[in-house]
Amino acid sequence: MNEGYSTDAMNQREGDYVPIRDAENVQLGMFDKPLPCFGCGIGWFSLLLGFVFPLIWYFSAILYFGKYYNKDPRERSGLAACAIAVSI
C-alpha cells in the first residue's frame, strides 16, 4: 500500500500519485529533519563546548544577535543561553 500518497481523483494527474500535504499548515514538514551537532542544535552544543573553549560563546552570541534562529526557530533557546553566558 502506498502510504503518504493521495488516491483522490482530484489530486491525480495522468496516473501519478501526489504527496499528501496539509492545506492549513504549510510548514508541517519544515522541521522534520534533526538539528545539527548531534541533534541538540548549534546553540546548546556551543553552550556545552563553551565551558572548555569560552570563545565559542561569543560566536554563538553573534549568531543570536544576527538572528540566525530565523532559519530554524528551534535554535533560538540555545543561542540565547550562549548570549546570557557571555554577559555573565
Protein backbone atom coordinates (compact mmCIF):
# COMPACT_ATOMS: atom_id res chain seq x y z
CA MET A 1 0.00 0.00 0.00
CA ASN A 2 1.27 3.48 -0.80
CA GLU A 3 1.27 5.39 2.47
CA GLY A 4 1.61 9.14 2.32
CA TYR A 5 0.09 9.41 -1.13
CA SER A 6 -3.34 10.63 -2.07
CA THR A 7 -5.57 8.42 -4.17
CA ASP A 8 -8.21 11.11 -4.57
CA ALA A 9 -9.25 11.60 -8.21
CA MET A 10 -8.91 15.38 -7.86
CA ASN A 11 -5.22 15.07 -6.94
CA GLN A 12 -4.34 12.53 -9.62
CA ARG A 13 -2.87 13.66 -12.91
CA GLU A 14 -2.16 11.13 -15.64
CA GLY A 15 -1.91 8.23 -13.20
CA ASP A 16 0.71 9.87 -10.92
CA TYR A 17 0.25 9.97 -7.18
CA VAL A 18 0.55 13.32 -5.43
CA PRO A 19 2.02 13.55 -1.89
CA ILE A 20 -0.46 14.44 0.82
CA ARG A 21 0.06 17.92 2.26
CA ASP A 22 -1.79 19.74 4.99
CA ALA A 23 -3.53 22.75 3.46
CA GLU A 24 -3.90 24.53 6.82
CA ASN A 25 -0.28 24.17 7.99
CA VAL A 26 2.13 24.58 5.10
CA GLN A 27 5.23 24.39 7.34
CA LEU A 28 4.25 20.99 8.75
CA GLY A 29 7.26 19.11 7.36
CA MET A 30 9.68 22.03 7.54
CA PHE A 31 11.32 20.93 10.80
CA ASP A 32 11.22 17.17 10.29
CA LYS A 33 14.97 16.87 9.84
CA PRO A 34 17.07 16.69 13.01
CA LEU A 35 19.13 19.57 14.29
CA PRO A 36 22.88 19.66 13.57
CA CYS A 37 25.54 18.88 16.21
CA PHE A 38 24.27 15.51 17.39
CA GLY A 39 20.63 16.61 17.35
CA CYS A 40 20.90 19.22 20.10
CA GLY A 41 21.45 22.22 17.83
CA ILE A 42 24.28 24.66 17.38
CA GLY A 43 23.27 26.80 20.37
CA TRP A 44 23.16 24.10 23.04
CA PHE A 45 26.21 22.37 21.63
CA SER A 46 28.10 25.69 21.76
CA LEU A 47 26.93 26.28 25.32
CA LEU A 48 28.33 22.93 26.46
CA LEU A 49 31.53 23.28 24.45
CA GLY A 50 31.93 26.86 25.71
CA PHE A 51 32.81 25.63 29.18
CA VAL A 52 36.00 24.25 27.64
CA PHE A 53 36.50 26.94 24.94
CA PRO A 54 34.73 30.14 26.11
CA LEU A 55 35.32 31.97 22.82
CA ILE A 56 32.63 29.78 21.26
CA TRP A 57 30.06 31.60 23.41
CA TYR A 58 30.97 34.86 21.66
CA PHE A 59 30.49 33.24 18.26
CA SER A 60 27.08 31.91 19.32
CA ALA A 61 26.09 35.29 20.76
CA ILE A 62 26.92 36.88 17.39
CA LEU A 63 24.72 34.26 15.71
CA TYR A 64 21.93 35.06 18.17
CA PHE A 65 22.08 38.82 17.68
CA GLY A 66 22.39 38.27 13.92
CA LYS A 67 19.05 36.42 14.09
CA TYR A 68 20.44 33.10 12.87
CA TYR A 69 17.46 31.46 14.55
CA ASN A 70 15.17 32.75 11.78
CA LYS A 71 16.43 29.81 9.71
CA ASP A 72 15.26 27.37 12.37
CA PRO A 73 13.37 28.63 15.44
CA ARG A 74 14.44 25.55 17.42
CA GLU A 75 17.94 27.10 17.66
CA ARG A 76 16.75 30.22 19.49
CA SER A 77 16.87 28.99 23.08
CA GLY A 78 20.38 27.54 22.83
CA LEU A 79 21.78 30.64 21.16
CA ALA A 80 20.07 32.83 23.78
CA ALA A 81 21.67 30.73 26.52
CA CYS A 82 25.09 31.41 24.97
CA ALA A 83 24.37 35.14 24.81
CA ILE A 84 23.47 35.07 28.51
CA ALA A 85 26.65 33.11 29.29
CA VAL A 86 28.72 35.78 27.54
CA SER A 87 27.10 38.56 29.55
CA ILE A 88 27.84 36.87 32.89
